[in-house]
Amino acid sequence: MSDPVQELGAALADIVARGDFAVPPYPAVALRLQRTLARRNHSLGEVADALSADPALAARVLSVANSHLYRGTSDITTVARAVNRLGTRTVASIALAAGIGSAAMQAGVLFDVKYRVWRRSVTCALACQKLAQLRTLDPEQGFLAGLLHGFGRSLAVAALEQRLLVQRPARPLALSEWLAIAEQQRGKLASVMARRWELPAAIASAIEDEAETSPMGALVMEADRLALLLETGERPASASAAEARVLDQLIAGLPEALDALAAAPATAATGAGAVAKPEQTRPEELRKVPVQVTDCRKRHPASVRCAGISPSGLVLESSVPFQEGSLVRFAIGAREDAFEPWFNVLSCVPAGATQQVEVQLFSPTRETRERWQRVFEQPAA
């Protein structure tokens, strides 16, 4: 029997060789902002006005400005103050991320794969931006290089999705298999995009295959490895005290930044049979303790009930599905003494009239681990 992974890998290689794939145009709002910033006498007000013309983008900029990555002494509520806090170049980077994110996360049978790929791209971009300052590299160029490095995978997944309109594989492929196929062509597709968008040479060279030989390319590869680690919920080790501080800041602010730039859909994707559901990851040590759990999302919160708790996560019964691979925050405990850690959604499967959702603590600090252990050790129900 033929291997569907090899077949799709060969099909994608042929698609790329023939140039039979779509590269979206450079986002219009990002282009307008770049032209505004290129004028030597531009003002913050002009940038704010350009953002305000796109309410969805303005809301994203405000969300990022108020995230832990950039938050000052108080929350801000106006676009002009957001531009002042972030800086015009960061705002232009956010506009580009918003524009290509719309293309990267279009609905389709491989949406589950698209979502993971885009989340990793944004994580890589934010990691590049933060780590660049330790390497005397330009943070905004780092952000763009990290973002576009991963967008090559998005182009590959979109091409694979078009292939599925003609022929489906003999079996649903696991997420890891889809990602492995897309990775084979990531560098080539990123290079094509760089040429068509006429990107600066420093960014173009950093997102190609074998890019690790340049300082910016090495930064991107390190940030991409870091992004992959964070997907598993691990807290990466640091090489120095300065790097530890930067990583702590990144991890603390990442969930909110991802919610602004790579928000999970209100209705979780089904994969329509193309993406195999992950195997249940329920740990052996699962206790039933009387834990009160509340979904902290402001938009469409779920009604959830704790079906079990492990040393690193929860099994929940939910009224609605959660997007696998997304980050969610739950309040644990009664309102007067609840704490609100972030979780990775590992799996979500139908269970009769409800959804069974498994979540794992997202890169918890030592304090969070200790508090979680006390919850875990409560007397059983």
Protein backbone atom coordinates (compact mmCIF):
# COMPACT_ATOMS: atom_id res chain seq x y z
CA MET A 1 0.00 0.00 0.00
CA SER A 2 1.35 3.44 -0.89
CA ASP A 3 2.22 5.90 1.87
CA PRO A 4 -0.12 8.94 1.77
CA VAL A 5 2.54 11.13 3.43
CA GLN A 6 5.05 10.36 0.66
CA GLU A 7 2.36 10.80 -2.01
CA LEU A 8 1.31 14.22 -0.72
CA GLY A 9 4.93 15.24 -0.22
CA ALA A 10 5.68 14.41 -3.85
CA ALA A 11 2.50 16.16 -5.01
CA LEU A 12 3.41 19.32 -3.09
CA ALA A 13 6.95 19.29 -4.47
CA ASP A 14 5.49 19.09 -7.98
CA ILE A 15 3.08 21.96 -7.25
CA VAL A 16 5.95 24.14 -6.06
CA ALA A 17 8.15 23.19 -9.01
CA ARG A 18 5.38 24.15 -11.46
CA GLY A 19 4.56 27.35 -9.57
CA ASP A 20 0.95 26.23 -9.26
CA PHE A 21 0.26 27.92 -5.93
CA ALA A 22 -1.11 31.27 -4.78
CA VAL A 23 0.89 34.00 -3.07
CA PRO A 24 -1.49 36.63 -1.64
CA PRO A 25 -0.81 40.26 -2.47
CA TYR A 26 1.00 42.40 0.07
CA PRO A 27 -1.70 43.55 2.54
CA ALA A 28 -3.13 46.87 1.41
CA VAL A 29 -3.39 48.46 4.86
CA ALA A 30 0.24 47.54 5.64
CA LEU A 31 1.31 49.06 2.32
CA ARG A 32 -0.56 52.29 3.06
CA LEU A 33 1.09 52.53 6.47
CA GLN A 34 4.54 51.92 4.96
CA ARG A 35 3.98 54.72 2.46
CA THR A 36 2.92 57.03 5.27
CA LEU A 37 5.99 56.14 7.34
CA ALA A 38 8.26 56.62 4.31
CA ARG A 39 7.43 60.34 4.33
CA ARG A 40 9.94 62.18 6.50
CA ASN A 41 7.33 64.57 7.87
CA HIS A 42 4.66 62.03 8.81
CA SER A 43 2.95 62.43 12.19
CA LEU A 44 1.62 59.98 14.80
CA GLY A 45 -1.83 61.40 14.08
CA GLU A 46 -1.64 60.31 10.44
CA VAL A 47 -0.70 56.79 11.50
CA ALA A 48 -3.52 56.70 14.05
CA ASP A 49 -6.01 57.95 11.43
CA ALA A 50 -4.92 55.22 9.00
CA LEU A 51 -5.47 52.59 11.68
CA SER A 52 -8.82 54.02 12.77
CA ALA A 53 -10.11 53.57 9.21
CA ASP A 54 -9.90 49.80 9.80
CA PRO A 55 -11.81 49.10 13.06
CA ALA A 56 -10.70 45.46 13.25
CA LEU A 57 -7.03 46.41 12.89
CA ALA A 58 -7.42 49.26 15.39
CA ALA A 59 -8.86 46.78 17.91
CA ARG A 60 -5.89 44.45 17.39
CA VAL A 61 -3.40 47.25 17.89
CA LEU A 62 -5.13 48.26 21.13
CA SER A 63 -5.10 44.63 22.32
CA VAL A 64 -1.38 44.28 21.63
CA ALA A 65 -0.62 47.64 23.26
CA ASN A 66 -2.42 46.52 26.42
CA SER A 67 -0.84 43.07 26.53
CA HIS A 68 1.85 42.20 29.06
CA LEU A 69 4.47 42.46 26.33
CA TYR A 70 4.00 46.21 25.98
CA ARG A 71 1.79 47.36 28.87
CA GLY A 72 2.81 50.52 30.67
CA THR A 73 1.49 51.79 33.97
CA SER A 74 -2.14 51.77 32.82
CA ASP A 75 -4.44 50.48 30.09
CA ILE A 76 -5.02 52.71 27.08
CA THR A 77 -8.24 53.13 25.13
CA THR A 78 -7.34 55.27 22.11
CA VAL A 79 -5.53 54.35 18.93
CA ALA A 80 -3.35 57.46 19.12
CA ARG A 81 -2.00 56.45 22.53
CA ALA A 82 -1.48 52.89 21.30
CA VAL A 83 0.66 54.20 18.44
CA ASN A 84 2.60 56.35 20.90
CA ARG A 85 3.24 53.36 23.20
CA LEU A 86 4.15 50.84 20.51
CA GLY A 87 5.93 53.08 18.02
CA THR A 88 5.08 53.46 14.37
CA ARG A 89 7.32 50.63 13.13
CA THR A 90 5.77 48.12 15.54
CA VAL A 91 2.31 49.26 14.46
CA ALA A 92 3.29 48.70 10.81
CA SER A 93 4.47 45.18 11.72
CA ILE A 94 1.15 44.45 13.44
CA ALA A 95 -0.71 45.66 10.35
CA LEU A 96 1.28 43.27 8.17
CA ALA A 97 0.66 40.40 10.62
CA ALA A 98 -3.06 41.12 10.62
CA GLY A 99 -3.18 41.23 6.84
CA ILE A 100 -1.35 37.99 6.15
CA GLY A 101 -3.06 36.34 9.12
CA SER A 102 -6.37 36.73 7.32
CA ALA A 103 -4.91 34.83 4.38
CA ALA A 104 -3.18 32.26 6.58
CA MET A 105 -6.32 31.28 8.51
CA GLN A 106 -8.97 31.08 5.82
CA ALA A 107 -11.63 28.45 6.43
CA GLY A 108 -11.02 25.04 4.88
CA VAL A 109 -10.58 21.34 5.57
CA LEU A 110 -7.04 21.92 6.86
CA PHE A 111 -7.93 24.78 9.19
CA ASP A 112 -6.60 22.90 12.23
CA VAL A 113 -3.21 22.74 10.51
CA LYS A 114 -3.41 26.38 9.36
CA TYR A 115 -4.16 27.53 12.88
CA ARG A 116 -1.14 25.71 14.39
CA VAL A 117 1.14 27.02 11.64
CA TRP A 118 0.01 30.61 12.04
CA ARG A 119 0.21 30.51 15.84
CA ARG A 120 3.79 29.27 15.54
CA SER A 121 4.60 32.04 13.04
CA VAL A 122 3.36 34.75 15.39
CA THR A 123 5.16 33.17 18.35
CA CYS A 124 8.37 33.04 16.30
CA ALA A 125 7.94 36.70 15.30
CA LEU A 126 7.43 37.88 18.87
CA ALA A 127 10.39 35.79 20.07
CA CYS A 128 12.58 37.31 17.34
CA GLN A 129 11.48 40.79 18.32
CA LYS A 130 12.37 40.24 21.98
CA LEU A 131 15.62 38.30 21.43
CA ALA A 132 16.93 40.70 18.75
CA GLN A 133 17.84 43.27 21.39
CA LEU A 134 20.27 40.79 22.96
CA ARG A 135 22.02 40.33 19.61
CA THR A 136 22.19 44.00 18.58
CA LEU A 137 19.79 43.29 15.71
CA ASP A 138 16.82 45.38 14.64
CA PRO A 139 13.74 44.14 16.62
CA GLU A 140 11.23 45.08 13.93
CA GLN A 141 13.22 43.39 11.18
CA GLY A 142 13.42 40.40 13.49
CA PHE A 143 9.64 40.41 13.93
CA LEU A 144 9.03 40.49 10.18
CA ALA A 145 11.65 37.83 9.46
CA GLY A 146 10.16 35.51 12.09
CA LEU A 147 6.63 36.09 10.84
CA LEU A 148 7.42 35.52 7.16
CA HIS A 149 9.66 32.52 7.87
CA GLY A 150 6.57 30.70 9.13
CA PHE A 151 4.29 32.07 6.40
CA GLY A 152 6.09 29.76 3.98
CA ARG A 153 4.39 26.90 5.85
CA SER A 154 1.05 28.66 5.50
CA LEU A 155 1.50 28.80 1.72
CA ALA A 156 2.36 25.10 1.70
CA VAL A 157 -0.74 24.15 3.70
CA ALA A 158 -2.95 26.26 1.43
CA ALA A 159 -1.49 24.44 -1.60
CA LEU A 160 -2.12 21.08 0.06
CA GLU A 161 -5.71 22.08 0.75
CA GLN A 162 -6.21 22.82 -2.94
CA ARG A 163 -4.75 19.40 -3.75
CA LEU A 164 -7.40 17.78 -1.52
CA LEU A 165 -10.10 19.16 -3.81
CA VAL A 166 -8.80 16.74 -6.44
CA GLN A 167 -7.74 13.75 -4.35
CA ARG A 168 -8.03 12.86 -0.69
CA PRO A 169 -5.43 10.64 1.04
CA ALA A 170 -6.39 7.06 1.86
CA ARG A 171 -6.61 7.97 5.55
CA PRO A 172 -6.79 11.14 7.66
CA LEU A 173 -3.29 12.36 8.45
CA ALA A 174 -2.15 13.36 11.92
CA LEU A 175 -1.31 17.00 12.52
CA SER A 176 2.38 16.12 12.76
CA GLU A 177 2.25 14.47 9.32
CA TRP A 178 0.65 17.51 7.68
CA LEU A 179 3.24 19.75 9.32
CA ALA A 180 6.11 17.54 8.16
CA ILE A 181 4.87 17.66 4.55
CA ALA A 182 4.51 21.45 4.65
CA GLU A 183 7.97 21.88 6.18
CA GLN A 184 9.63 20.24 3.16
CA GLN A 185 8.63 23.19 0.95
CA ARG A 186 8.61 26.01 3.53
CA GLY A 187 11.92 27.57 2.47
CA LYS A 188 11.20 27.49 -1.27
CA LEU A 189 7.76 29.04 -0.84
CA ALA A 190 9.09 31.71 1.52
CA SER A 191 11.74 32.59 -1.06
CA VAL A 192 9.13 32.98 -3.79
CA MET A 193 7.05 35.21 -1.53
CA ALA A 194 10.12 37.32 -0.66
CA ARG A 195 10.82 37.94 -4.37
CA ARG A 196 7.22 38.78 -5.25
CA TRP A 197 6.86 41.13 -2.31
CA GLU A 198 10.30 42.65 -2.97
CA LEU A 199 11.31 42.28 0.67
CA PRO A 200 14.54 43.83 1.98
CA ALA A 201 17.56 41.59 1.42
CA ALA A 202 18.19 41.16 5.17
CA ILE A 203 14.72 39.68 5.66
CA ALA A 204 14.65 37.69 2.42
CA SER A 205 17.93 35.94 3.19
CA ALA A 206 16.81 35.15 6.76
CA ILE A 207 13.71 33.18 5.73
CA GLU A 208 15.25 30.95 3.07
CA ASP A 209 16.61 27.44 3.53
CA GLU A 210 20.09 27.34 5.09
CA ALA A 211 19.46 30.83 6.49
CA GLU A 212 21.17 30.07 9.80
CA THR A 213 24.50 31.27 8.39
CA SER A 214 23.46 34.94 8.76
CA PRO A 215 22.92 36.66 12.15
CA MET A 216 19.26 37.37 11.38
CA GLY A 217 18.76 33.85 10.04
CA ALA A 218 20.30 32.36 13.19
CA LEU A 219 17.93 34.49 15.28
CA VAL A 220 14.92 33.25 13.29
CA MET A 221 15.93 29.61 13.63
CA GLU A 222 16.44 29.97 17.38
CA ALA A 223 13.07 31.71 17.74
CA ASP A 224 11.36 29.02 15.65
CA ARG A 225 12.77 26.29 17.90
CA LEU A 226 11.58 28.28 20.90
CA ALA A 227 8.09 28.57 19.38
CA LEU A 228 7.96 24.81 18.87
CA LEU A 229 8.94 24.24 22.51
CA LEU A 230 6.24 26.61 23.74
CA GLU A 231 3.61 24.68 21.78
CA THR A 232 4.26 21.74 24.11
CA GLY A 233 3.88 23.92 27.21
CA GLU A 234 7.54 23.63 28.19
CA ARG A 235 9.37 26.54 29.75
CA PRO A 236 12.59 26.96 27.71
CA ALA A 237 15.97 27.14 29.41
CA SER A 238 17.97 30.36 29.04
CA ALA A 239 21.67 30.88 28.37
CA SER A 240 22.05 33.99 30.54
CA ALA A 241 20.29 36.09 33.14
CA ALA A 242 19.47 38.69 30.47
CA GLU A 243 17.95 36.06 28.21
CA ALA A 244 15.98 34.64 31.14
CA ARG A 245 14.40 38.06 31.75
CA VAL A 246 13.47 38.41 28.08
CA LEU A 247 11.99 34.90 27.92
CA ASP A 248 9.97 35.48 31.09
CA GLN A 249 8.55 38.67 29.59
CA LEU A 250 7.78 36.91 26.31
CA ILE A 251 6.02 33.97 27.96
CA ALA A 252 4.01 36.20 30.29
CA GLY A 253 2.74 38.31 27.40
CA LEU A 254 2.43 35.66 24.71
CA PRO A 255 -1.14 34.43 25.41
CA GLU A 256 -2.63 37.92 25.14
CA ALA A 257 -0.53 38.77 22.08
CA LEU A 258 -1.61 35.55 20.37
CA ASP A 259 -5.22 36.35 21.22
CA ALA A 260 -4.79 39.65 19.37
CA LEU A 261 -2.82 38.36 16.35
CA ALA A 262 -3.80 34.68 16.09
CA ALA A 263 -7.17 34.47 17.80
CA ALA A 264 -8.87 31.08 17.80
CA PRO A 265 -12.24 31.05 16.01
CA ALA A 266 -15.43 31.23 18.07
CA THR A 267 -16.41 27.86 16.60
CA ALA A 268 -13.66 25.24 16.62
CA ALA A 269 -12.74 23.61 13.32
CA THR A 270 -13.68 19.99 12.60
CA GLY A 271 -11.05 19.12 9.98
CA ALA A 272 -13.80 17.45 7.88
CA GLY A 273 -12.01 14.11 8.06
CA ALA A 274 -8.70 15.34 6.64
CA VAL A 275 -6.93 15.78 9.98
CA ALA A 276 -6.88 12.82 12.36
CA LYS A 277 -7.95 13.60 15.89
CA PRO A 278 -5.08 13.43 18.39
CA GLU A 279 -4.87 10.41 20.60
CA GLN A 280 -6.18 10.98 24.09
CA THR A 281 -3.41 12.32 26.25
CA ARG A 282 -5.12 11.70 29.57
CA PRO A 283 -2.40 10.98 32.16
CA GLU A 284 -2.50 7.92 34.39
CA GLU A 285 -2.69 10.08 37.52
CA LEU A 286 -6.07 11.75 37.16
CA ARG A 287 -7.99 12.72 40.26
CA LYS A 288 -11.59 13.77 40.73
CA VAL A 289 -11.47 16.67 43.13
CA PRO A 290 -14.09 19.39 43.73
CA VAL A 291 -12.46 22.07 41.57
CA GLN A 292 -14.54 24.99 40.33
CA VAL A 293 -13.48 25.98 36.81
CA THR A 294 -14.70 29.06 34.91
CA ASP A 295 -13.94 30.00 31.29
CA CYS A 296 -12.41 33.50 31.38
CA ARG A 297 -13.10 34.37 27.75
CA LYS A 298 -15.18 37.51 27.32
CA ARG A 299 -16.50 36.37 23.94
CA HIS A 300 -18.69 33.27 23.96
CA PRO A 301 -17.48 31.71 27.24
CA ALA A 302 -18.18 28.01 27.64
CA SER A 303 -19.91 26.32 30.52
CA VAL A 304 -17.30 23.86 31.81
CA ARG A 305 -17.16 21.20 34.50
CA CYS A 306 -14.01 19.59 35.83
CA ALA A 307 -14.05 15.85 35.09
CA GLY A 308 -10.54 15.29 36.45
CA ILE A 309 -7.28 17.02 37.36
CA SER A 310 -3.69 15.91 36.75
CA PRO A 311 -0.36 17.31 37.99
CA SER A 312 -0.20 19.47 34.86
CA GLY A 313 -3.72 20.01 33.57
CA LEU A 314 -7.43 19.29 33.44
CA VAL A 315 -10.01 17.13 31.71
CA LEU A 316 -13.18 19.16 31.22
CA GLU A 317 -16.72 18.65 30.04
CA SER A 318 -17.60 21.69 27.94
CA SER A 319 -20.82 23.01 26.45
CA VAL A 320 -18.93 24.09 23.30
CA PRO A 321 -15.79 22.88 21.48
CA PHE A 322 -12.39 24.52 21.92
CA GLN A 323 -9.91 24.99 19.09
CA GLU A 324 -7.11 22.46 19.51
CA GLY A 325 -3.77 24.21 19.82
CA SER A 326 -5.25 27.42 21.21
CA LEU A 327 -4.41 29.08 24.52
CA VAL A 328 -7.25 29.61 26.99
CA ARG A 329 -7.44 30.96 30.52
CA PHE A 330 -9.57 29.40 33.24
CA ALA A 331 -10.30 30.69 36.73
CA ILE A 332 -9.56 27.88 39.18
CA GLY A 333 -11.39 27.89 42.50
CA ALA A 334 -14.07 30.03 44.07
CA ARG A 335 -14.25 33.63 42.99
CA GLU A 336 -12.80 35.10 46.18
CA ASP A 337 -9.51 33.14 45.93
CA ALA A 338 -9.41 31.98 42.29
CA PHE A 339 -6.27 32.14 40.18
CA GLU A 340 -6.24 32.27 36.40
CA PRO A 341 -3.46 30.32 34.69
CA TRP A 342 -3.25 29.87 30.93
CA PHE A 343 -3.63 26.44 29.31
CA ASN A 344 -2.82 24.77 25.99
CA VAL A 345 -5.81 22.94 24.50
CA LEU A 346 -4.45 19.46 23.77
CA SER A 347 -7.58 17.78 22.44
CA CYS A 348 -11.30 18.31 22.04
CA VAL A 349 -13.59 15.41 21.13
CA PRO A 350 -17.39 15.03 21.17
CA ALA A 351 -18.77 13.18 24.20
CA GLY A 352 -22.49 12.85 23.72
CA ALA A 353 -24.15 16.25 24.13
CA THR A 354 -20.91 17.83 25.41
CA GLN A 355 -17.25 18.10 24.45
CA GLN A 356 -14.39 16.45 26.33
CA VAL A 357 -11.51 18.89 26.44
CA GLU A 358 -8.01 18.18 27.71
CA VAL A 359 -5.83 21.14 28.65
CA GLN A 360 -2.29 21.51 29.98
CA LEU A 361 -0.72 24.39 31.92
CA PHE A 362 1.07 26.76 29.55
CA SER A 363 4.72 27.24 30.52
CA PRO A 364 3.90 27.66 34.23
CA THR A 365 6.15 29.54 36.60
CA ARG A 366 7.35 27.85 39.78
CA GLU A 367 4.71 29.77 41.75
CA THR A 368 1.96 28.52 39.42
CA ARG A 369 3.22 24.93 39.65
CA GLU A 370 3.24 25.08 43.44
CA ARG A 371 -0.26 26.50 43.59
CA TRP A 372 -1.48 23.95 41.06
CA GLN A 373 0.01 21.14 43.15
CA ARG A 374 -2.00 22.31 46.15
CA VAL A 375 -5.18 22.21 44.05
CA PHE A 376 -4.27 18.74 42.77
CA GLU A 377 -3.72 17.42 46.29
CA GLN A 378 -7.15 18.49 47.57
CA PRO A 379 -9.29 15.72 49.07
CA ALA A 380 -11.15 13.75 46.38
CA ALA A 381 -14.80 14.39 45.74
